[in-house]
Amino acid sequence: MKSLILMLAVISSFMSVAQSIKPNDPLAHTYSIVARDAKTGQMAVAVQSHWFSVGTAVPWGEAGVGVVATQSFVNKSFGIRGLDLLKQGKTPQQALDILLAEDDGREFRQVAILDKAGRVATHTGKSCIDYAGHANGENFSVQANMMLNDEVVPAMEKAWNEFDGLPLAERMIAVLRAAENTGGDIRGKQSAALVVFAAEATTEPWNDKLIDLRVDDSDNPIKEIDRLLKVYRAYDYMNQGDLYVEKNDMKRAMEAYNAAMRMFPKNLEMQYWTAVTLANDKQIEKASEMLQGIYAQDKNWRELTRRLPKVGLLNVSEENLMLLLGEE
């Protein structure tokens, strides 16, 4: 009887140790990149996984500080704590060493840390599921686990070096695409995320995260996040156009609006506000022609036009308003 009790105690003790070593954290077996643009100083994380909403777990960052990707058996605290350690003056390697030293599940973790100077530190635990590995250098680190083959990480590193002429966000997506084209996650694909942070923090922290795109569930998340980035770029042109309007620089405003419409010629929103800008610039005939085409596709835009003069967004005479409404 005493032997049985002793045996059960030993088994119980072993199981407790095993459970403390193997974490119960959420899974995010995946591939990702943390990187810094040497020209602008902007920092970014991009990730794709066959797991729902990977963007809520893997990527972390702060303008003027750095970025973190934490994956495999995800220890989410590595994101916030890693950034705090960087703010305390620790190097990425020092921060990583501290995080791992305090984590019994370190061999199941995969994590990369990059600071605003472009220094990186990466860890792939011995218990990450094959194929798993990483490659890093100045301004970047690529890491992957549970890949179909051992060619994914080299393909990501090669893509990072080859696409150095692209803006940072587009370059990050090129790296994800290279990983997927080489085999990617052995389970397939489901979600992706892309975040880009400013090189330095400002007094307006709400503007310091420059790009924040997520695809939580998709048959082709990289294709979708690439599409969303193009939409983002188009609306960025629209915002530039609005700023030029405020400065009464209509020539540059129209150039920005036209750039947006060239990217998405069927987008009624972009067409509509371009037409409104033309009307405010006293180009009534051209504005009316555009608006009639918009109304033909969706009559609600006509009703919106009626409401704009009241709030000062459309400054035309009553006669010209009728022309714009197509009710002269």
C-alpha atoms as a PDB file:
ATOM      1  CA  MET A   1       0.000   0.000   0.000  1.00  0.00           C
ATOM      2  CA  LYS A   2       2.821   2.376   0.929  1.00  0.00           C
ATOM      3  CA  SER A   3       4.538   1.528  -2.369  1.00  0.00           C
ATOM      4  CA  LEU A   4       1.380   2.380  -4.315  1.00  0.00           C
ATOM      5  CA  ILE A   5       1.002   5.689  -2.502  1.00  0.00           C
ATOM      6  CA  LEU A   6       4.660   6.493  -3.171  1.00  0.00           C
ATOM      7  CA  MET A   7       4.269   5.602  -6.863  1.00  0.00           C
ATOM      8  CA  LEU A   8       1.187   7.810  -7.215  1.00  0.00           C
ATOM      9  CA  ALA A   9       3.014  10.662  -5.526  1.00  0.00           C
ATOM     10  CA  VAL A  10       5.943  10.310  -7.935  1.00  0.00           C
ATOM     11  CA  ILE A  11       3.582  10.230 -10.961  1.00  0.00           C
ATOM     12  CA  SER A  12       1.687  13.243  -9.656  1.00  0.00           C
ATOM     13  CA  SER A  13       4.923  15.128  -9.103  1.00  0.00           C
ATOM     14  CA  PHE A  14       6.152  14.245 -12.606  1.00  0.00           C
ATOM     15  CA  MET A  15       2.896  15.386 -14.214  1.00  0.00           C
ATOM     16  CA  SER A  16       3.025  18.666 -12.333  1.00  0.00           C
ATOM     17  CA  VAL A  17       6.547  19.302 -13.579  1.00  0.00           C
ATOM     18  CA  ALA A  18       5.618  18.321 -17.139  1.00  0.00           C
ATOM     19  CA  GLN A  19       2.616  20.652 -17.129  1.00  0.00           C
ATOM     20  CA  SER A  20       4.738  23.512 -15.825  1.00  0.00           C
ATOM     21  CA  ILE A  21       7.197  22.973 -18.658  1.00  0.00           C
ATOM     22  CA  LYS A  22       4.746  22.510 -21.506  1.00  0.00           C
ATOM     23  CA  PRO A  23       2.686  25.705 -21.561  1.00  0.00           C
ATOM     24  CA  ASN A  24      -1.069  25.886 -21.855  1.00  0.00           C
ATOM     25  CA  ASP A  25      -0.813  29.113 -23.846  1.00  0.00           C
ATOM     26  CA  PRO A  26      -2.629  29.592 -27.171  1.00  0.00           C
ATOM     27  CA  LEU A  27      -1.074  28.068 -30.277  1.00  0.00           C
ATOM     28  CA  ALA A  28       0.182  30.222 -33.113  1.00  0.00           C
ATOM     29  CA  HIS A  29       2.397  27.955 -35.174  1.00  0.00           C
ATOM     30  CA  THR A  30       3.335  30.281 -37.941  1.00  0.00           C
ATOM     31  CA  TYR A  31       5.891  32.269 -39.892  1.00  0.00           C
ATOM     32  CA  SER A  32       6.629  35.929 -39.311  1.00  0.00           C
ATOM     33  CA  ILE A  33       9.074  38.759 -39.867  1.00  0.00           C
ATOM     34  CA  VAL A  34      10.125  41.690 -37.682  1.00  0.00           C
ATOM     35  CA  ALA A  35      11.972  44.394 -39.561  1.00  0.00           C
ATOM     36  CA  ARG A  36      13.109  48.011 -39.746  1.00  0.00           C
ATOM     37  CA  ASP A  37      13.371  50.213 -42.816  1.00  0.00           C
ATOM     38  CA  ALA A  38      16.919  51.560 -42.824  1.00  0.00           C
ATOM     39  CA  LYS A  39      15.842  54.664 -44.795  1.00  0.00           C
ATOM     40  CA  THR A  40      12.817  55.742 -42.750  1.00  0.00           C
ATOM     41  CA  GLY A  41      13.430  54.032 -39.426  1.00  0.00           C
ATOM     42  CA  GLN A  42       9.900  52.618 -39.483  1.00  0.00           C
ATOM     43  CA  MET A  43       9.475  49.207 -37.823  1.00  0.00           C
ATOM     44  CA  ALA A  44       7.028  46.432 -38.655  1.00  0.00           C
ATOM     45  CA  VAL A  45       5.765  42.939 -37.945  1.00  0.00           C
ATOM     46  CA  ALA A  46       4.053  40.703 -40.512  1.00  0.00           C
ATOM     47  CA  VAL A  47       2.705  37.229 -39.814  1.00  0.00           C
ATOM     48  CA  GLN A  48       0.595  34.434 -41.339  1.00  0.00           C
ATOM     49  CA  SER A  49      -0.740  31.280 -39.723  1.00  0.00           C
ATOM     50  CA  HIS A  50      -3.287  28.493 -40.014  1.00  0.00           C
ATOM     51  CA  TRP A  51      -4.874  29.800 -36.838  1.00  0.00           C
ATOM     52  CA  PHE A  52      -7.782  32.145 -36.254  1.00  0.00           C
ATOM     53  CA  SER A  53      -6.906  35.821 -35.738  1.00  0.00           C
ATOM     54  CA  VAL A  54      -3.136  35.497 -35.482  1.00  0.00           C
ATOM     55  CA  GLY A  55      -2.890  39.291 -35.379  1.00  0.00           C
ATOM     56  CA  THR A  56      -4.274  39.354 -31.825  1.00  0.00           C
ATOM     57  CA  ALA A  57      -1.433  37.224 -30.451  1.00  0.00           C
ATOM     58  CA  VAL A  58       1.842  37.434 -32.384  1.00  0.00           C
ATOM     59  CA  PRO A  59       2.674  41.076 -33.345  1.00  0.00           C
ATOM     60  CA  TRP A  60       3.529  43.789 -30.814  1.00  0.00           C
ATOM     61  CA  GLY A  61       5.245  47.132 -31.190  1.00  0.00           C
ATOM     62  CA  GLU A  62       5.672  50.735 -30.150  1.00  0.00           C
ATOM     63  CA  ALA A  63       6.943  53.728 -32.089  1.00  0.00           C
ATOM     64  CA  GLY A  64      10.432  54.788 -31.088  1.00  0.00           C
ATOM     65  CA  VAL A  65      10.958  51.553 -29.160  1.00  0.00           C
ATOM     66  CA  GLY A  66      10.780  48.386 -31.241  1.00  0.00           C
ATOM     67  CA  VAL A  67       8.685  45.407 -32.318  1.00  0.00           C
ATOM     68  CA  VAL A  68       8.184  41.853 -31.067  1.00  0.00           C
ATOM     69  CA  ALA A  69       6.831  38.659 -32.621  1.00  0.00           C
ATOM     70  CA  THR A  70       5.920  35.932 -30.114  1.00  0.00           C
ATOM     71  CA  GLN A  71       4.694  32.614 -31.534  1.00  0.00           C
ATOM     72  CA  SER A  72       4.598  28.796 -31.381  1.00  0.00           C
ATOM     73  CA  PHE A  73       3.078  28.306 -27.891  1.00  0.00           C
ATOM     74  CA  VAL A  74       2.469  32.043 -27.534  1.00  0.00           C
ATOM     75  CA  ASN A  75       3.519  33.844 -24.391  1.00  0.00           C
ATOM     76  CA  LYS A  76       1.655  37.094 -25.009  1.00  0.00           C
ATOM     77  CA  SER A  77       3.421  38.778 -22.103  1.00  0.00           C
ATOM     78  CA  PHE A  78       6.625  38.696 -24.166  1.00  0.00           C
ATOM     79  CA  GLY A  79       5.162  41.463 -26.316  1.00  0.00           C
ATOM     80  CA  ILE A  80       4.462  44.047 -23.619  1.00  0.00           C
ATOM     81  CA  ARG A  81       7.306  42.981 -21.320  1.00  0.00           C
ATOM     82  CA  GLY A  82       9.789  42.871 -24.172  1.00  0.00           C
ATOM     83  CA  LEU A  83       8.939  46.431 -25.191  1.00  0.00           C
ATOM     84  CA  ASP A  84       9.158  47.593 -21.574  1.00  0.00           C
ATOM     85  CA  LEU A  85      12.638  46.089 -21.282  1.00  0.00           C
ATOM     86  CA  LEU A  86      13.713  47.919 -24.445  1.00  0.00           C
ATOM     87  CA  LYS A  87      12.404  51.163 -22.946  1.00  0.00           C
ATOM     88  CA  GLN A  88      14.535  50.468 -19.864  1.00  0.00           C
ATOM     89  CA  GLY A  89      17.609  50.536 -22.107  1.00  0.00           C
ATOM     90  CA  LYS A  90      18.079  46.803 -22.560  1.00  0.00           C
ATOM     91  CA  THR A  91      19.330  45.477 -25.896  1.00  0.00           C
ATOM     92  CA  PRO A  92      17.082  43.000 -27.730  1.00  0.00           C
ATOM     93  CA  GLN A  93      19.356  40.135 -26.631  1.00  0.00           C
ATOM     94  CA  GLN A  94      19.318  41.258 -22.997  1.00  0.00           C
ATOM     95  CA  ALA A  95      15.533  41.605 -23.098  1.00  0.00           C
ATOM     96  CA  LEU A  96      15.150  38.177 -24.674  1.00  0.00           C
ATOM     97  CA  ASP A  97      17.461  36.565 -22.111  1.00  0.00           C
ATOM     98  CA  ILE A  98      15.417  38.016 -19.255  1.00  0.00           C
ATOM     99  CA  LEU A  99      12.106  36.859 -20.746  1.00  0.00           C
ATOM    100  CA  LEU A 100      13.343  33.320 -21.339  1.00  0.00           C
ATOM    101  CA  ALA A 101      15.037  32.990 -17.973  1.00  0.00           C
ATOM    102  CA  GLU A 102      11.694  33.589 -16.263  1.00  0.00           C
ATOM    103  CA  ASP A 103       9.729  31.173 -18.498  1.00  0.00           C
ATOM    104  CA  ASP A 104       9.572  27.424 -17.794  1.00  0.00           C
ATOM    105  CA  GLY A 105       8.080  26.930 -21.250  1.00  0.00           C
ATOM    106  CA  ARG A 106      11.009  28.544 -23.057  1.00  0.00           C
ATOM    107  CA  GLU A 107      11.746  25.490 -25.226  1.00  0.00           C
ATOM    108  CA  PHE A 108       8.242  25.686 -26.706  1.00  0.00           C
ATOM    109  CA  ARG A 109       8.583  29.380 -27.547  1.00  0.00           C
ATOM    110  CA  GLN A 110       9.634  31.206 -30.662  1.00  0.00           C
ATOM    111  CA  VAL A 111      10.203  34.932 -30.310  1.00  0.00           C
ATOM    112  CA  ALA A 112      11.971  37.755 -32.139  1.00  0.00           C
ATOM    113  CA  ILE A 113      12.724  41.235 -30.798  1.00  0.00           C
ATOM    114  CA  LEU A 114      13.923  44.223 -32.844  1.00  0.00           C
ATOM    115  CA  ASP A 115      14.723  47.670 -31.457  1.00  0.00           C
ATOM    116  CA  LYS A 116      14.636  51.104 -33.077  1.00  0.00           C
ATOM    117  CA  ALA A 117      18.349  50.853 -33.945  1.00  0.00           C
ATOM    118  CA  GLY A 118      17.710  47.713 -35.997  1.00  0.00           C
ATOM    119  CA  ARG A 119      19.354  45.309 -33.545  1.00  0.00           C
ATOM    120  CA  VAL A 120      17.654  41.924 -33.270  1.00  0.00           C
ATOM    121  CA  ALA A 121      17.536  38.840 -31.075  1.00  0.00           C
ATOM    122  CA  THR A 122      15.694  35.627 -31.900  1.00  0.00           C
ATOM    123  CA  HIS A 123      14.934  32.387 -30.079  1.00  0.00           C
ATOM    124  CA  THR A 124      13.575  29.108 -31.449  1.00  0.00           C
ATOM    125  CA  GLY A 125      13.014  26.602 -28.646  1.00  0.00           C
ATOM    126  CA  LYS A 126      14.109  22.986 -29.008  1.00  0.00           C
ATOM    127  CA  SER A 127      10.491  21.828 -28.620  1.00  0.00           C
ATOM    128  CA  CYS A 128       9.074  23.947 -31.452  1.00  0.00           C
ATOM    129  CA  ILE A 129       7.487  21.659 -34.035  1.00  0.00           C
ATOM    130  CA  ASP A 130       9.504  20.904 -37.180  1.00  0.00           C
ATOM    131  CA  TYR A 131      10.324  22.426 -39.429  1.00  0.00           C
ATOM    132  CA  ALA A 132      11.320  25.314 -37.191  1.00  0.00           C
ATOM    133  CA  GLY A 133      14.083  27.884 -37.356  1.00  0.00           C
ATOM    134  CA  HIS A 134      15.036  31.501 -37.875  1.00  0.00           C
ATOM    135  CA  ALA A 135      17.500  33.761 -39.663  1.00  0.00           C
ATOM    136  CA  ASN A 136      18.380  37.313 -38.762  1.00  0.00           C
ATOM    137  CA  GLY A 137      20.692  40.193 -39.453  1.00  0.00           C
ATOM    138  CA  GLU A 138      20.802  43.958 -39.229  1.00  0.00           C
ATOM    139  CA  ASN A 139      17.253  45.366 -39.363  1.00  0.00           C
ATOM    140  CA  PHE A 140      15.397  42.048 -39.693  1.00  0.00           C
ATOM    141  CA  SER A 141      14.578  38.611 -38.358  1.00  0.00           C
ATOM    142  CA  VAL A 142      12.474  35.905 -40.011  1.00  0.00           C
ATOM    143  CA  GLN A 143      11.200  32.946 -38.008  1.00  0.00           C
ATOM    144  CA  ALA A 144       8.911  29.983 -38.600  1.00  0.00           C
ATOM    145  CA  ASN A 145       7.712  26.794 -36.966  1.00  0.00           C
ATOM    146  CA  MET A 146       5.544  23.860 -38.050  1.00  0.00           C
ATOM    147  CA  MET A 147       6.534  24.490 -41.664  1.00  0.00           C
ATOM    148  CA  LEU A 148       6.014  21.997 -44.480  1.00  0.00           C
ATOM    149  CA  ASN A 149       9.749  21.946 -45.228  1.00  0.00           C
ATOM    150  CA  ASP A 150      13.069  23.460 -44.167  1.00  0.00           C
ATOM    151  CA  GLU A 151      13.200  25.854 -47.131  1.00  0.00           C
ATOM    152  CA  VAL A 152      10.718  28.414 -45.774  1.00  0.00           C
ATOM    153  CA  VAL A 153      13.072  30.428 -43.588  1.00  0.00           C
ATOM    154  CA  PRO A 154      15.795  30.715 -46.279  1.00  0.00           C
ATOM    155  CA  ALA A 155      13.135  31.816 -48.772  1.00  0.00           C
ATOM    156  CA  MET A 156      11.954  34.540 -46.387  1.00  0.00           C
ATOM    157  CA  GLU A 157      15.485  35.807 -45.825  1.00  0.00           C
ATOM    158  CA  LYS A 158      16.129  35.848 -49.565  1.00  0.00           C
ATOM    159  CA  ALA A 159      12.926  37.793 -50.230  1.00  0.00           C
ATOM    160  CA  TRP A 160      13.798  40.387 -47.566  1.00  0.00           C
ATOM    161  CA  ASN A 161      17.127  41.017 -49.270  1.00  0.00           C
ATOM    162  CA  GLU A 162      15.755  40.969 -52.824  1.00  0.00           C
ATOM    163  CA  PHE A 163      12.853  43.383 -52.325  1.00  0.00           C
ATOM    164  CA  ASP A 164      14.830  46.158 -50.649  1.00  0.00           C
ATOM    165  CA  GLY A 165      13.460  48.712 -53.115  1.00  0.00           C
ATOM    166  CA  LEU A 166       9.861  48.370 -51.886  1.00  0.00           C
ATOM    167  CA  PRO A 167       8.234  50.415 -49.125  1.00  0.00           C
ATOM    168  CA  LEU A 168       8.451  48.572 -45.806  1.00  0.00           C
ATOM    169  CA  ALA A 169       4.836  47.348 -45.730  1.00  0.00           C
ATOM    170  CA  GLU A 170       4.956  45.963 -49.274  1.00  0.00           C
ATOM    171  CA  ARG A 171       8.346  44.409 -48.560  1.00  0.00           C
ATOM    172  CA  MET A 172       6.923  42.599 -45.519  1.00  0.00           C
ATOM    173  CA  ILE A 173       4.117  41.104 -47.606  1.00  0.00           C
ATOM    174  CA  ALA A 174       6.648  40.001 -50.221  1.00  0.00           C
ATOM    175  CA  VAL A 175       8.423  38.027 -47.479  1.00  0.00           C
ATOM    176  CA  LEU A 176       5.161  36.374 -46.386  1.00  0.00           C
ATOM    177  CA  ARG A 177       4.368  35.500 -49.985  1.00  0.00           C
ATOM    178  CA  ALA A 178       7.804  33.903 -50.408  1.00  0.00           C
ATOM    179  CA  ALA A 179       7.194  31.757 -47.337  1.00  0.00           C
ATOM    180  CA  GLU A 180       3.816  30.610 -48.619  1.00  0.00           C
ATOM    181  CA  ASN A 181       5.109  29.897 -52.115  1.00  0.00           C
ATOM    182  CA  THR A 182       7.858  27.729 -50.639  1.00  0.00           C
ATOM    183  CA  GLY A 183       5.454  25.560 -48.679  1.00  0.00           C
ATOM    184  CA  GLY A 184       4.425  27.602 -45.657  1.00  0.00           C
ATOM    185  CA  ASP A 185       2.534  26.227 -42.680  1.00  0.00           C
ATOM    186  CA  ILE A 186       2.095  22.450 -42.977  1.00  0.00           C
ATOM    187  CA  ARG A 187      -1.602  22.883 -42.040  1.00  0.00           C
ATOM    188  CA  GLY A 188      -2.352  25.511 -44.667  1.00  0.00           C
ATOM    189  CA  LYS A 189      -3.365  29.154 -44.222  1.00  0.00           C
ATOM    190  CA  GLN A 190      -6.055  31.123 -42.393  1.00  0.00           C
ATOM    191  CA  SER A 191      -5.100  34.503 -40.946  1.00  0.00           C
ATOM    192  CA  ALA A 192      -2.507  37.244 -41.337  1.00  0.00           C
ATOM    193  CA  ALA A 193      -1.537  40.613 -39.893  1.00  0.00           C
ATOM    194  CA  LEU A 194       0.656  43.592 -40.736  1.00  0.00           C
ATOM    195  CA  VAL A 195       1.545  46.436 -38.360  1.00  0.00           C
ATOM    196  CA  VAL A 196       3.938  49.320 -39.043  1.00  0.00           C
ATOM    197  CA  PHE A 197       5.159  51.799 -36.424  1.00  0.00           C
ATOM    198  CA  ALA A 198       6.803  55.211 -36.750  1.00  0.00           C
ATOM    199  CA  ALA A 199      10.537  55.490 -36.192  1.00  0.00           C
ATOM    200  CA  GLU A 200      10.054  57.871 -33.278  1.00  0.00           C
ATOM    201  CA  ALA A 201       7.237  58.451 -30.845  1.00  0.00           C
ATOM    202  CA  THR A 202       5.354  61.738 -31.084  1.00  0.00           C
ATOM    203  CA  THR A 203       3.117  63.729 -28.777  1.00  0.00           C
ATOM    204  CA  GLU A 204       0.194  62.113 -30.640  1.00  0.00           C
ATOM    205  CA  PRO A 205       0.633  58.390 -29.896  1.00  0.00           C
ATOM    206  CA  TRP A 206      -2.662  57.574 -31.589  1.00  0.00           C
ATOM    207  CA  ASN A 207      -0.949  58.438 -34.883  1.00  0.00           C
ATOM    208  CA  ASP A 208       2.266  56.504 -34.229  1.00  0.00           C
ATOM    209  CA  LYS A 209       0.905  53.190 -35.480  1.00  0.00           C
ATOM    210  CA  LEU A 210       1.047  53.918 -39.193  1.00  0.00           C
ATOM    211  CA  ILE A 211      -0.537  50.738 -40.566  1.00  0.00           C
ATOM    212  CA  ASP A 212      -2.646  48.162 -38.724  1.00  0.00           C
ATOM    213  CA  LEU A 213      -4.182  45.502 -40.972  1.00  0.00           C
ATOM    214  CA  ARG A 214      -5.613  42.130 -39.998  1.00  0.00           C
ATOM    215  CA  VAL A 215      -7.233  39.229 -41.790  1.00  0.00           C
ATOM    216  CA  ASP A 216      -8.745  36.984 -39.135  1.00  0.00           C
ATOM    217  CA  ASP A 217     -10.184  34.190 -41.287  1.00  0.00           C
ATOM    218  CA  SER A 218      -9.638  33.704 -45.017  1.00  0.00           C
ATOM    219  CA  ASP A 219      -8.912  31.068 -47.627  1.00  0.00           C
ATOM    220  CA  ASN A 220      -6.070  33.261 -48.865  1.00  0.00           C
ATOM    221  CA  PRO A 221      -5.010  35.669 -46.097  1.00  0.00           C
ATOM    222  CA  ILE A 222      -1.851  36.964 -47.781  1.00  0.00           C
ATOM    223  CA  LYS A 223      -3.728  37.866 -50.947  1.00  0.00           C
ATOM    224  CA  GLU A 224      -6.375  39.571 -48.807  1.00  0.00           C
ATOM    225  CA  ILE A 225      -3.931  41.548 -46.677  1.00  0.00           C
ATOM    226  CA  ASP A 226      -2.158  42.648 -49.860  1.00  0.00           C
ATOM    227  CA  ARG A 227      -5.524  43.874 -51.176  1.00  0.00           C
ATOM    228  CA  LEU A 228      -6.197  45.718 -47.902  1.00  0.00           C
ATOM    229  CA  LEU A 229      -2.802  47.405 -48.108  1.00  0.00           C
ATOM    230  CA  LYS A 230      -3.685  48.674 -51.578  1.00  0.00           C
ATOM    231  CA  VAL A 231      -6.984  50.016 -50.214  1.00  0.00           C
ATOM    232  CA  TYR A 232      -5.062  51.694 -47.406  1.00  0.00           C
ATOM    233  CA  ARG A 233      -2.720  53.337 -49.918  1.00  0.00           C
ATOM    234  CA  ALA A 234      -5.666  54.566 -51.980  1.00  0.00           C
ATOM    235  CA  TYR A 235      -7.390  56.120 -48.974  1.00  0.00           C
ATOM    236  CA  ASP A 236      -4.085  57.656 -47.965  1.00  0.00           C
ATOM    237  CA  TYR A 237      -4.165  59.501 -51.285  1.00  0.00           C
ATOM    238  CA  MET A 238      -7.705  60.607 -50.449  1.00  0.00           C
ATOM    239  CA  ASN A 239      -6.523  61.964 -47.090  1.00  0.00           C
ATOM    240  CA  GLN A 240      -3.703  63.823 -48.825  1.00  0.00           C
ATOM    241  CA  GLY A 241      -6.239  65.303 -51.193  1.00  0.00           C
ATOM    242  CA  ASP A 242      -8.344  66.512 -48.278  1.00  0.00           C
ATOM    243  CA  LEU A 243      -5.309  68.228 -46.764  1.00  0.00           C
ATOM    244  CA  TYR A 244      -4.571  70.002 -50.051  1.00  0.00           C
ATOM    245  CA  VAL A 245      -8.199  71.148 -50.199  1.00  0.00           C
ATOM    246  CA  GLU A 246      -7.803  72.678 -46.739  1.00  0.00           C
ATOM    247  CA  LYS A 247      -4.783  74.563 -48.076  1.00  0.00           C
ATOM    248  CA  ASN A 248      -6.781  75.574 -51.174  1.00  0.00           C
ATOM    249  CA  ASP A 249      -4.254  73.780 -53.395  1.00  0.00           C
ATOM    250  CA  MET A 250      -6.794  72.290 -55.786  1.00  0.00           C
ATOM    251  CA  LYS A 251      -4.246  71.160 -58.359  1.00  0.00           C
ATOM    252  CA  ARG A 252      -2.459  68.885 -55.904  1.00  0.00           C
ATOM    253  CA  ALA A 253      -5.760  67.843 -54.360  1.00  0.00           C
ATOM    254  CA  MET A 254      -7.031  66.571 -57.693  1.00  0.00           C
ATOM    255  CA  GLU A 255      -3.732  64.811 -58.381  1.00  0.00           C
ATOM    256  CA  ALA A 256      -4.085  62.934 -55.083  1.00  0.00           C
ATOM    257  CA  TYR A 257      -7.755  62.112 -55.675  1.00  0.00           C
ATOM    258  CA  ASN A 258      -7.034  60.903 -59.198  1.00  0.00           C
ATOM    259  CA  ALA A 259      -4.223  58.676 -57.906  1.00  0.00           C
ATOM    260  CA  ALA A 260      -6.700  57.070 -55.508  1.00  0.00           C
ATOM    261  CA  MET A 261      -9.305  56.544 -58.199  1.00  0.00           C
ATOM    262  CA  ARG A 262      -6.756  54.970 -60.535  1.00  0.00           C
ATOM    263  CA  MET A 263      -6.112  52.345 -57.876  1.00  0.00           C
ATOM    264  CA  PHE A 264      -9.826  51.636 -57.327  1.00  0.00           C
ATOM    265  CA  PRO A 265     -11.775  53.072 -60.275  1.00  0.00           C
ATOM    266  CA  LYS A 266     -15.047  51.425 -59.177  1.00  0.00           C
ATOM    267  CA  ASN A 267     -14.999  52.825 -55.640  1.00  0.00           C
ATOM    268  CA  LEU A 268     -17.983  55.201 -55.387  1.00  0.00           C
ATOM    269  CA  GLU A 269     -16.714  56.841 -52.204  1.00  0.00           C
ATOM    270  CA  MET A 270     -13.550  58.030 -53.905  1.00  0.00           C
ATOM    271  CA  GLN A 271     -15.461  59.200 -56.970  1.00  0.00           C
ATOM    272  CA  TYR A 272     -18.007  61.031 -54.850  1.00  0.00           C
ATOM    273  CA  TRP A 273     -15.643  63.158 -52.751  1.00  0.00           C
ATOM    274  CA  THR A 274     -13.585  63.953 -55.815  1.00  0.00           C
ATOM    275  CA  ALA A 275     -16.765  65.268 -57.449  1.00  0.00           C
ATOM    276  CA  VAL A 276     -17.614  67.324 -54.362  1.00  0.00           C
ATOM    277  CA  THR A 277     -14.132  68.857 -54.439  1.00  0.00           C
ATOM    278  CA  LEU A 278     -14.624  69.760 -58.109  1.00  0.00           C
ATOM    279  CA  ALA A 279     -17.926  71.411 -57.253  1.00  0.00           C
ATOM    280  CA  ASN A 280     -16.359  73.454 -54.464  1.00  0.00           C
ATOM    281  CA  ASP A 281     -13.688  74.469 -56.966  1.00  0.00           C
ATOM    282  CA  LYS A 282     -16.512  75.805 -59.170  1.00  0.00           C
ATOM    283  CA  GLN A 283     -16.104  73.049 -61.774  1.00  0.00           C
ATOM    284  CA  ILE A 284     -19.837  72.397 -61.625  1.00  0.00           C
ATOM    285  CA  GLU A 285     -20.311  70.778 -65.010  1.00  0.00           C
ATOM    286  CA  LYS A 286     -17.549  68.224 -64.483  1.00  0.00           C
ATOM    287  CA  ALA A 287     -18.708  67.534 -60.933  1.00  0.00           C
ATOM    288  CA  SER A 288     -22.304  67.057 -62.057  1.00  0.00           C
ATOM    289  CA  GLU A 289     -21.281  64.583 -64.749  1.00  0.00           C
ATOM    290  CA  MET A 290     -19.437  62.485 -62.180  1.00  0.00           C
ATOM    291  CA  LEU A 291     -22.290  62.668 -59.689  1.00  0.00           C
ATOM    292  CA  GLN A 292     -24.947  61.554 -62.160  1.00  0.00           C
ATOM    293  CA  GLY A 293     -22.906  58.418 -62.835  1.00  0.00           C
ATOM    294  CA  ILE A 294     -22.661  57.765 -59.099  1.00  0.00           C
ATOM    295  CA  TYR A 295     -26.391  58.322 -58.519  1.00  0.00           C
ATOM    296  CA  ALA A 296     -27.203  55.852 -61.294  1.00  0.00           C
ATOM    297  CA  GLN A 297     -25.427  53.152 -59.286  1.00  0.00           C
ATOM    298  CA  ASP A 298     -26.716  54.148 -55.858  1.00  0.00           C
ATOM    299  CA  LYS A 299     -29.380  56.820 -55.348  1.00  0.00           C
ATOM    300  CA  ASN A 300     -28.442  57.324 -51.688  1.00  0.00           C
ATOM    301  CA  TRP A 301     -25.464  59.444 -52.766  1.00  0.00           C
ATOM    302  CA  ARG A 302     -27.929  62.010 -54.171  1.00  0.00           C
ATOM    303  CA  GLU A 303     -29.567  62.264 -50.758  1.00  0.00           C
ATOM    304  CA  LEU A 304     -26.144  62.744 -49.165  1.00  0.00           C
ATOM    305  CA  THR A 305     -25.447  65.626 -51.574  1.00  0.00           C
ATOM    306  CA  ARG A 306     -28.584  67.390 -50.315  1.00  0.00           C
ATOM    307  CA  ARG A 307     -27.223  67.258 -46.765  1.00  0.00           C
ATOM    308  CA  LEU A 308     -23.730  68.630 -47.398  1.00  0.00           C
ATOM    309  CA  PRO A 309     -24.492  72.387 -47.717  1.00  0.00           C
ATOM    310  CA  LYS A 310     -25.968  72.450 -44.205  1.00  0.00           C
ATOM    311  CA  VAL A 311     -22.626  71.437 -42.664  1.00  0.00           C
ATOM    312  CA  GLY A 312     -20.457  73.493 -45.006  1.00  0.00           C
ATOM    313  CA  LEU A 313     -19.004  70.621 -47.009  1.00  0.00           C
ATOM    314  CA  LEU A 314     -20.590  71.772 -50.261  1.00  0.00           C
ATOM    315  CA  ASN A 315     -20.460  75.501 -50.942  1.00  0.00           C
ATOM    316  CA  VAL A 316     -22.482  76.196 -54.076  1.00  0.00           C
ATOM    317  CA  SER A 317     -25.447  78.311 -55.043  1.00  0.00           C
ATOM    318  CA  GLU A 318     -28.955  76.887 -54.907  1.00  0.00           C
ATOM    319  CA  GLU A 319     -29.018  76.843 -58.696  1.00  0.00           C
ATOM    320  CA  ASN A 320     -25.781  74.877 -58.912  1.00  0.00           C
ATOM    321  CA  LEU A 321     -26.970  72.523 -56.180  1.00  0.00           C
ATOM    322  CA  MET A 322     -29.911  71.631 -58.387  1.00  0.00           C
ATOM    323  CA  LEU A 323     -27.518  70.937 -61.243  1.00  0.00           C
ATOM    324  CA  LEU A 324     -25.425  68.699 -59.022  1.00  0.00           C
ATOM    325  CA  LEU A 325     -28.537  66.863 -57.894  1.00  0.00           C
ATOM    326  CA  GLY A 326     -29.660  66.470 -61.489  1.00  0.00           C
ATOM    327  CA  GLU A 327     -32.887  68.302 -60.691  1.00  0.00           C
ATOM    328  CA  GLU A 328     -32.443  71.527 -62.652  1.00  0.00           C
END
